[in-house]
Protein backbone atom coordinates (compact mmCIF):
# COMPACT_ATOMS: atom_id res chain seq x y z
CA MET A 1 133.58 -74.45 48.95
CA PRO A 2 132.83 -78.16 46.86
CA ILE A 3 132.14 -81.19 49.26
CA GLU A 4 133.61 -84.42 47.51
CA SER A 5 132.26 -87.25 49.44
CA TRP A 6 128.33 -86.99 49.98
CA ARG A 7 126.00 -89.50 50.92
CA GLY A 8 123.00 -87.47 51.21
CA GLY A 9 121.54 -85.81 55.31
CA ASP A 10 120.09 -83.40 56.64
CA VAL A 11 119.82 -79.54 56.38
CA ASP A 12 117.77 -76.43 57.02
CA VAL A 13 117.78 -74.93 53.58
CA ALA A 14 118.67 -77.18 49.76
CA ILE A 15 119.18 -75.12 47.23
CA ILE A 16 118.88 -77.21 43.82
CA GLY A 17 120.98 -74.98 41.34
CA ALA A 18 124.65 -73.10 41.20
CA GLY A 19 124.10 -70.77 38.01
CA ALA A 20 123.43 -66.63 39.12
CA ALA A 21 120.01 -67.57 41.12
CA GLY A 22 121.08 -70.58 43.09
CA VAL A 23 124.75 -68.67 44.51
CA GLY A 24 122.93 -65.45 45.02
CA ALA A 25 120.25 -67.21 47.30
CA ALA A 26 122.61 -69.04 49.00
CA ARG A 27 124.82 -65.80 49.73
CA ARG A 28 121.88 -63.64 50.88
CA LEU A 29 121.07 -66.56 53.19
CA GLN A 30 124.09 -67.25 54.79
CA SER A 31 124.22 -63.37 55.50
CA LEU A 32 120.81 -62.82 56.78
CA ARG A 33 120.74 -66.50 58.63
CA PRO A 34 124.03 -67.70 59.69
CA ASP A 35 122.28 -70.10 61.71
CA LEU A 36 120.78 -71.91 59.10
CA SER A 37 122.86 -74.94 57.38
CA VAL A 38 122.71 -73.83 53.45
CA LEU A 39 123.83 -76.70 50.63
CA LEU A 40 123.74 -75.88 47.29
CA LEU A 41 123.15 -78.75 44.85
CA GLU A 42 124.55 -78.85 41.22
CA ALA A 43 124.03 -81.56 38.61
CA SER A 44 127.18 -80.55 36.30
CA ASP A 45 130.85 -80.61 37.13
CA ARG A 46 130.56 -76.98 37.84
CA VAL A 47 129.02 -73.52 40.04
CA GLY A 48 127.98 -71.30 37.73
CA GLY A 49 125.14 -72.19 35.54
CA ARG A 50 124.49 -70.21 32.33
CA ALA A 51 127.39 -68.02 33.19
CA ARG A 52 130.55 -70.00 32.21
CA THR A 53 134.36 -68.66 31.49
CA ILE A 54 137.00 -70.50 29.79
CA HIS A 55 140.99 -68.66 30.15
CA PRO A 56 142.25 -69.93 26.67
CA PHE A 57 145.62 -67.16 27.19
CA GLY A 58 146.22 -67.92 30.84
CA ALA A 59 144.63 -66.83 34.07
CA ASP A 60 146.10 -62.93 33.36
CA GLY A 61 144.44 -63.01 29.70
CA ALA A 62 141.45 -61.88 29.20
CA GLY A 63 138.79 -64.15 30.14
CA LEU A 64 136.13 -65.22 27.37
CA ASP A 65 132.61 -65.92 28.24
CA LEU A 66 130.28 -68.69 26.63
CA GLY A 67 127.10 -67.50 28.09
CA CYS A 68 126.08 -64.45 29.88
CA GLY A 69 129.30 -61.74 29.36
CA TRP A 70 127.26 -58.38 29.81
CA LEU A 71 126.50 -56.14 32.96
CA HIS A 72 123.86 -55.09 32.04
CA GLY A 73 122.09 -51.49 33.60
CA ALA A 74 125.49 -51.88 34.89
CA ARG A 75 125.13 -48.82 37.51
CA THR A 76 122.67 -50.18 39.50
CA ASN A 77 123.16 -54.12 38.57
CA PRO A 78 124.32 -56.04 42.28
CA TRP A 79 126.83 -58.05 40.36
CA THR A 80 128.47 -54.73 39.36
CA LYS A 81 129.46 -54.03 43.31
CA ILE A 82 130.20 -57.51 43.89
CA THR A 83 132.76 -57.67 40.99
CA GLU A 84 134.48 -55.28 42.75
CA GLU A 85 134.41 -56.66 46.63
CA ILE A 86 135.53 -59.82 45.15
CA GLY A 87 138.92 -58.34 43.75
CA LEU A 88 137.90 -58.59 40.01
CA THR A 89 137.79 -55.92 37.36
CA VAL A 90 134.78 -53.99 36.07
CA ASP A 91 135.32 -53.03 32.52
CA ARG A 92 134.05 -50.44 31.24
CA THR A 93 134.46 -50.29 27.41
CA PRO A 94 131.33 -49.00 25.88
CA ALA A 95 128.75 -51.83 24.75
CA PRO A 96 128.60 -52.02 20.72
CA TRP A 97 124.66 -50.78 21.58
CA SER A 98 125.64 -48.20 23.76
CA ASP A 99 126.71 -44.42 22.78
CA GLY A 100 130.75 -44.49 22.25
CA SER A 101 131.32 -47.63 21.24
CA ARG A 102 133.23 -48.80 17.94
CA GLN A 103 131.26 -49.51 14.97
CA LEU A 104 132.49 -50.87 11.83
CA GLU A 105 130.34 -49.67 9.84
CA GLY A 106 128.92 -46.71 11.75
CA LYS A 107 129.45 -43.95 9.11
CA GLU A 108 128.43 -46.17 5.89
CA PRO A 109 125.17 -45.42 4.61
CA GLY A 110 122.03 -47.13 5.83
CA VAL A 111 123.33 -47.42 9.33
CA LYS A 112 121.52 -44.49 11.09
CA ALA A 113 118.48 -45.88 8.85
CA ALA A 114 118.55 -49.15 10.19
CA ALA A 115 118.90 -47.70 13.87
CA GLU A 116 115.74 -45.46 13.84
CA ALA A 117 114.11 -48.65 12.30
CA VAL A 118 114.62 -50.69 15.34
CA ALA A 119 114.15 -48.02 17.46
CA GLU A 120 110.77 -47.23 16.29
CA PHE A 121 110.40 -51.69 16.40
CA PHE A 122 111.29 -50.67 20.38
CA GLU A 123 109.13 -47.99 20.90
CA ARG A 124 106.14 -49.26 19.24
CA VAL A 125 106.47 -52.71 21.75
CA ASP A 126 106.60 -50.38 24.23
CA ALA A 127 103.79 -48.28 23.54
CA TYR A 128 101.22 -51.75 23.13
CA GLU A 129 98.08 -51.43 24.79
CA GLY A 130 96.44 -54.33 23.07
CA VAL A 131 94.07 -55.89 25.48
CA ALA A 132 95.18 -59.49 24.35
CA ASP A 133 98.66 -60.38 24.12
CA ALA A 134 100.52 -60.66 20.74
CA ASP A 135 103.59 -61.80 19.20
CA LEU A 136 106.06 -59.73 18.15
CA SER A 137 105.77 -60.15 14.19
CA THR A 138 102.54 -58.58 14.83
CA MET A 139 104.88 -55.02 15.50
CA LEU A 140 106.00 -55.23 11.75
CA ALA A 141 104.96 -53.11 8.70
CA PRO A 142 105.22 -55.74 6.04
CA ASP A 143 106.62 -53.15 3.70
CA ASP A 144 109.67 -52.51 5.77
CA PRO A 145 112.31 -52.17 4.33
CA TRP A 146 114.50 -53.00 7.54
CA ILE A 147 112.26 -56.38 8.30
CA GLU A 148 115.25 -58.58 8.29
CA ARG A 149 117.16 -55.99 10.42
CA LEU A 150 114.35 -56.40 12.88
CA TYR A 151 113.88 -60.18 12.58
CA ALA A 152 117.70 -60.61 13.19
CA VAL A 153 117.65 -57.92 16.55
CA GLY A 154 114.38 -59.64 17.94
CA ALA A 155 116.50 -62.89 17.69
CA PHE A 156 119.19 -61.53 19.86
CA MET A 157 116.75 -60.14 22.16
CA THR A 158 114.63 -63.01 23.25
CA GLY A 159 116.53 -65.71 21.99
CA ALA A 160 113.45 -66.69 19.36
CA GLU A 161 111.92 -65.76 16.35
CA LEU A 162 109.40 -62.70 16.50
CA PRO A 163 106.30 -64.87 16.03
CA LYS A 164 106.83 -66.99 19.02
CA SER A 165 107.91 -64.16 21.80
CA SER A 166 105.22 -61.65 23.39
CA VAL A 167 104.75 -58.38 22.94
CA ILE A 168 103.80 -57.89 26.31
CA ASP A 169 106.85 -60.02 27.89
CA LEU A 170 109.22 -57.64 25.62
CA GLY A 171 107.34 -54.10 26.61
CA ARG A 172 108.26 -54.97 30.28
CA TYR A 173 112.25 -55.82 30.35
CA ASP A 174 114.16 -53.87 32.11
CA PRO A 175 117.77 -54.62 33.00
CA GLY A 176 117.91 -51.20 34.26
CA PRO A 177 120.02 -47.57 33.47
CA GLY A 178 122.95 -48.75 31.08
CA PRO A 179 125.36 -48.30 30.81
CA ASP A 180 126.37 -51.72 30.23
CA TRP A 181 130.26 -53.31 30.95
CA ARG A 182 131.70 -56.34 31.64
CA VAL A 183 133.98 -58.62 33.60
CA ARG A 184 136.96 -58.41 33.04
CA GLN A 185 137.74 -61.80 34.06
CA GLY A 186 134.72 -63.05 32.77
CA TYR A 187 130.97 -63.70 33.98
CA GLY A 188 131.36 -67.66 34.83
CA THR A 189 134.52 -66.24 37.31
CA LEU A 190 132.71 -63.90 39.05
CA VAL A 191 129.73 -66.30 39.63
CA ALA A 192 132.02 -69.21 40.54
CA THR A 193 134.00 -66.82 42.90
CA TYR A 194 131.04 -65.35 44.83
CA GLY A 195 129.99 -68.75 45.22
CA LEU A 196 133.09 -70.36 47.06
CA PRO A 197 131.68 -69.20 50.36
CA VAL A 198 128.75 -71.91 49.95
CA PRO A 199 128.93 -75.48 50.67
CA THR A 200 128.33 -77.39 47.13
CA ILE A 201 127.85 -80.35 46.22
CA LEU A 202 128.90 -80.93 42.29
CA GLY A 203 127.50 -84.01 40.06
CA VAL A 204 124.20 -84.53 41.77
CA GLU A 205 120.93 -84.66 39.84
CA VAL A 206 117.67 -84.17 42.06
CA SER A 207 115.46 -86.31 40.69
CA ARG A 208 112.13 -85.99 43.26
CA ILE A 209 110.68 -83.49 45.70
CA ASP A 210 108.55 -84.81 48.16
CA HIS A 211 106.78 -81.78 49.98
CA SER A 212 103.95 -83.73 51.41
CA SER A 213 105.14 -83.52 54.79
CA ALA A 214 104.44 -80.68 56.82
CA GLY A 215 107.59 -79.02 58.25
CA HIS A 216 110.43 -80.59 55.55
CA VAL A 217 111.13 -81.93 51.92
CA VAL A 218 112.91 -85.13 50.66
CA LEU A 219 115.24 -84.48 47.73
CA SER A 220 115.84 -87.53 45.89
CA THR A 221 119.09 -87.74 44.18
CA GLY A 222 121.86 -90.66 42.65
CA LYS A 223 123.89 -89.96 45.41
CA GLY A 224 121.29 -90.07 48.37
CA GLU A 225 118.69 -88.55 49.74
CA LEU A 226 118.91 -85.15 51.58
CA LYS A 227 116.30 -83.95 54.29
CA ALA A 228 116.06 -79.87 54.47
CA ARG A 229 113.55 -77.55 56.25
CA ALA A 230 112.99 -75.92 53.36
CA ALA A 231 114.69 -75.91 49.07
CA ILE A 232 114.77 -73.29 46.53
CA VAL A 233 114.30 -74.20 43.17
CA ALA A 234 116.56 -72.86 40.99
CA VAL A 235 116.84 -74.77 37.81
CA SER A 236 115.97 -73.11 34.28
CA THR A 237 112.70 -73.50 32.76
CA ASN A 238 113.41 -76.16 29.78
CA VAL A 239 114.63 -78.34 32.62
CA LEU A 240 111.11 -77.94 34.61
CA ALA A 241 108.96 -78.22 31.52
CA ALA A 242 110.57 -81.59 31.00
CA GLU A 243 110.09 -82.85 34.30
CA ARG A 244 113.37 -83.17 35.17
CA ILE A 245 112.27 -82.76 39.05
CA ASP A 246 109.80 -85.19 40.32
CA PHE A 247 107.42 -83.01 42.41
CA TRP A 248 104.99 -84.62 45.06
CA PRO A 249 102.39 -83.39 45.31
CA PRO A 250 102.76 -82.59 41.71
CA LEU A 251 102.75 -78.73 40.32
CA PRO A 252 101.14 -78.55 37.59
CA GLU A 253 100.36 -74.98 37.09
CA ARG A 254 104.24 -74.41 37.88
CA ILE A 255 105.23 -76.64 34.93
CA GLU A 256 102.69 -75.27 32.38
CA ALA A 257 103.77 -71.77 33.04
CA ALA A 258 107.87 -73.44 32.81
CA SER A 259 106.86 -74.73 29.42
CA ARG A 260 104.92 -71.43 28.19
CA LEU A 261 108.33 -69.48 29.04
CA PRO A 262 111.22 -71.79 27.25
CA LEU A 263 114.52 -71.10 26.78
CA GLY A 264 115.56 -69.21 23.79
CA LEU A 265 118.68 -69.71 22.51
CA ALA A 266 122.13 -67.66 21.91
CA ASP A 267 125.35 -69.34 21.08
CA LYS A 268 128.71 -68.32 20.61
CA LEU A 269 131.63 -69.27 18.72
CA PHE A 270 135.26 -67.74 19.68
CA ILE A 271 137.70 -67.76 16.54
CA HIS A 272 141.41 -67.08 17.01
CA VAL A 273 143.05 -64.49 15.13
CA SER A 274 146.27 -65.95 13.66
CA GLU A 275 147.81 -61.82 12.75
CA PRO A 276 145.45 -59.60 15.60
CA GLY A 277 147.00 -56.13 13.71
CA MET A 278 144.56 -56.74 11.30
CA PHE A 279 141.62 -55.96 13.02
CA PRO A 280 140.49 -53.05 15.25
CA GLU A 281 140.20 -54.16 19.05
CA ASP A 282 136.97 -53.87 20.61
CA THR A 283 135.05 -53.12 17.83
CA HIS A 284 131.75 -54.28 16.22
CA VAL A 285 130.24 -55.40 13.15
CA MET A 286 126.77 -57.10 11.83
CA GLY A 287 127.10 -60.11 9.29
CA SER A 288 124.99 -58.96 7.21
CA ARG A 289 122.06 -56.20 7.21
CA GLU A 290 119.81 -57.94 4.67
CA SER A 291 119.16 -61.08 6.28
CA ARG A 292 117.59 -62.25 9.46
CA ARG A 293 120.24 -65.64 9.46
CA THR A 294 122.90 -63.56 10.55
CA GLY A 295 125.76 -63.57 12.96
CA ALA A 296 127.15 -60.66 15.37
CA TYR A 297 130.68 -59.94 15.83
CA GLN A 298 132.53 -58.57 18.34
CA LEU A 299 136.52 -58.16 16.97
CA ARG A 300 139.26 -58.30 19.37
CA PRO A 301 136.79 -57.85 22.75
CA PHE A 302 139.50 -56.82 25.60
CA GLY A 303 142.41 -56.72 22.54
CA ALA A 304 142.84 -60.76 22.87
CA PRO A 305 143.29 -62.59 19.71
CA VAL A 306 139.72 -63.41 19.07
CA ILE A 307 136.29 -62.91 17.17
CA GLU A 308 133.50 -63.38 19.06
CA ALA A 309 130.76 -64.61 16.72
CA TYR A 310 127.31 -64.47 18.50
CA PHE A 311 124.12 -66.58 17.02
CA ALA A 312 120.50 -66.63 18.11
CA ALA A 313 117.29 -68.36 17.45
CA ASP A 314 116.91 -70.88 14.83
CA LEU A 315 120.33 -69.62 13.07
CA ALA A 316 121.96 -71.06 16.26
CA LEU A 317 120.07 -74.06 16.56
CA ASP A 318 121.11 -74.95 13.16
CA LEU A 319 124.67 -74.09 13.33
CA GLU A 320 124.24 -75.73 17.29
CA ARG A 321 123.08 -79.02 15.34
CA GLU A 322 125.39 -78.89 12.35
CA GLY A 323 128.76 -77.98 15.02
CA MET A 324 131.92 -75.93 15.06
CA GLU A 325 133.28 -76.06 12.02
CA ALA A 326 129.41 -75.12 9.96
CA ALA A 327 129.53 -72.57 12.65
CA PHE A 328 132.92 -71.44 12.01
CA ALA A 329 132.56 -72.14 7.85
CA PHE A 330 129.16 -69.65 8.13
CA SER A 331 131.01 -66.99 10.45
CA VAL A 332 134.09 -66.39 7.45
CA GLU A 333 131.98 -66.25 4.32
CA GLN A 334 130.45 -63.44 6.81
CA LEU A 335 133.44 -61.56 7.45
CA LYS A 336 134.51 -61.82 4.44
CA ARG A 337 131.90 -59.48 3.34
CA VAL A 338 133.70 -56.86 5.80
CA PHE A 339 137.41 -57.79 5.24
CA GLY A 340 137.84 -58.92 2.22
CA ALA A 341 138.05 -62.93 0.63
CA ASP A 342 141.95 -63.60 2.04
CA VAL A 343 140.56 -63.04 5.46
CA GLY A 344 140.04 -66.65 6.43
CA ALA A 345 143.77 -67.80 6.16
CA LYS A 346 143.78 -65.80 9.12
CA LEU A 347 141.15 -67.20 11.57
CA SER A 348 140.53 -70.62 13.05
CA PRO A 349 138.08 -72.22 15.31
CA LEU A 350 139.22 -72.07 19.20
CA VAL A 351 135.50 -72.81 21.14
CA MET A 352 131.69 -72.65 20.81
CA SER A 353 128.86 -72.98 23.16
CA ALA A 354 125.90 -74.96 22.68
CA TRP A 355 123.54 -74.26 25.07
CA ALA A 356 120.40 -76.04 23.87
CA SER A 357 122.71 -79.06 24.17
CA GLU A 358 123.79 -78.61 27.99
CA PRO A 359 121.89 -81.61 29.25
CA PHE A 360 120.95 -79.67 33.03
CA VAL A 361 120.35 -76.15 30.98
CA GLY A 362 118.70 -76.58 27.21
CA GLY A 363 118.67 -73.22 26.20
CA SER A 364 120.19 -69.66 26.61
CA TYR A 365 117.41 -67.12 28.34
CA SER A 366 113.41 -67.38 28.20
CA TYR A 367 110.80 -65.30 26.73
CA ALA A 368 107.16 -65.11 27.07
CA THR A 369 104.96 -67.01 24.05
CA PRO A 370 102.66 -64.62 23.78
CA GLY A 371 99.77 -64.48 26.64
CA ALA A 372 102.33 -66.16 29.05
CA SER A 373 104.15 -63.13 30.29
CA ASP A 374 102.09 -62.76 33.96
CA LEU A 375 103.29 -66.64 34.44
CA ARG A 376 106.69 -65.64 35.64
CA GLY A 377 104.58 -64.68 38.82
CA VAL A 378 103.27 -67.75 38.94
CA LEU A 379 106.61 -69.41 38.56
CA ALA A 380 108.29 -67.31 41.00
CA ALA A 381 105.23 -67.77 43.94
CA PRO A 382 106.71 -69.77 47.30
CA CYS A 383 104.74 -73.25 47.72
CA ASN A 384 103.80 -73.82 51.31
CA ASP A 385 106.37 -71.84 52.91
CA ARG A 386 108.47 -74.95 52.37
CA LEU A 387 109.47 -74.79 48.63
CA PHE A 388 110.60 -71.90 46.85
CA PHE A 389 111.89 -71.03 43.18
CA ALA A 390 114.50 -68.65 41.81
CA GLY A 391 115.79 -67.84 38.33
CA GLU A 392 116.21 -65.31 35.21
CA ALA A 393 112.48 -66.31 34.30
CA CYS A 394 111.16 -65.43 37.55
CA SER A 395 111.88 -62.15 37.16
CA ARG A 396 108.78 -59.58 35.34
CA THR A 397 111.35 -57.49 34.42
CA ARG A 398 114.75 -58.55 34.51
CA TYR A 399 114.45 -61.55 32.73
CA SER A 400 117.07 -63.11 30.57
CA THR A 401 119.66 -61.82 32.55
CA ALA A 402 122.31 -63.34 35.55
CA HIS A 403 121.21 -60.09 37.80
CA GLY A 404 117.63 -61.02 37.00
CA ALA A 405 118.51 -64.47 38.21
CA TYR A 406 120.51 -62.83 41.67
CA GLU A 407 118.11 -60.41 42.72
CA SER A 408 115.18 -63.76 41.88
CA GLY A 409 117.48 -65.36 44.45
CA VAL A 410 117.97 -62.99 46.84
CA VAL A 411 113.77 -62.80 47.37
CA ALA A 412 113.76 -65.98 47.37
CA ALA A 413 116.58 -66.32 50.50
CA GLU A 414 114.44 -63.43 52.12
CA ALA A 415 111.08 -65.43 52.01
CA VAL A 416 113.49 -68.71 52.69
CA ALA A 417 114.76 -66.83 55.91
CA LYS A 418 111.18 -65.23 57.13
CA ALA A 419 109.43 -68.67 56.72
CA LEU A 420 111.83 -70.52 59.35
């Protein structure tokens, strides 16, 4: 429920950031405490945060998710129930990594061996019992024939290269029991639709939060000052670490935690297919099994005339900097390996995400640097019963997911309801 003209004022609870965490917090507060006034503040021009859907084929066509796209741990994922409650459609087509999925190269020699190598890598991560944390590259055997494949999978998981990421943190990751499903209209559509009942100000950036008074906080924005009895900060770790929001008194431990839980990067390129019949529906293929610098390609998701290319970590950053045409050229070369030299004539770039460049986000999903996994708890801890924090990075086990973000928002909302 966007509010067009706003110049500050008073409110019971201000929520900063209209992504999955902020929307989840707002809806939970409305349910728990209808007596409280709640206001959602969003610096960008839309609700959804890192959930963003476009509809190039019309309102009735499949939504294309530029951000998060899978209901991970779908049977227990709260967004699954919300999807159906608000009249959207859960698509139960198996995810590429699930049993029953359609892998174009599923019967090729080496695919089974690669899958076994990946499974063994994650078993080593889960079994790690070192006193000190380590980086994920230490879980590799130097002579492993699938080392490049493991680097690629690690990048897809964390959004960062293996030497940057914590073994303990990845070992704690647990999105809940599978399978993974999708929202036909798009995850971004889901979050934005769920947020409709919340009074929301778009295009308002909070630059300072003064929490020095005993009974309230004061938020400074480009459109005026807002006084609130409590505030929930649900912005990305990169925004916090860059000190885009100035806290008074300062919160150095929180800023340090955010800086050691940075956002990795995953970008998507949607490629239009002029002859869709050339490609099987909802089928997955890797661009390369020999190089860590590879895209993963979902052919015709929902039967749409597109290929969804997915890039992560350093490759994603390089392609984002070079632009959509460079990402398209990279993808075509990889797809030629599978479909032949003539395939490029049937393809054209449609749209590409650029999450590292998003000014109010700065990346895709958080990973912990070695030794930083416990800082997720530091990031999530309330401050003086007036200042609360939420977001996927606050979740110990479901970080990097939209339902981890939602659940952290619910926890913050319940704490606010109790404090007030």
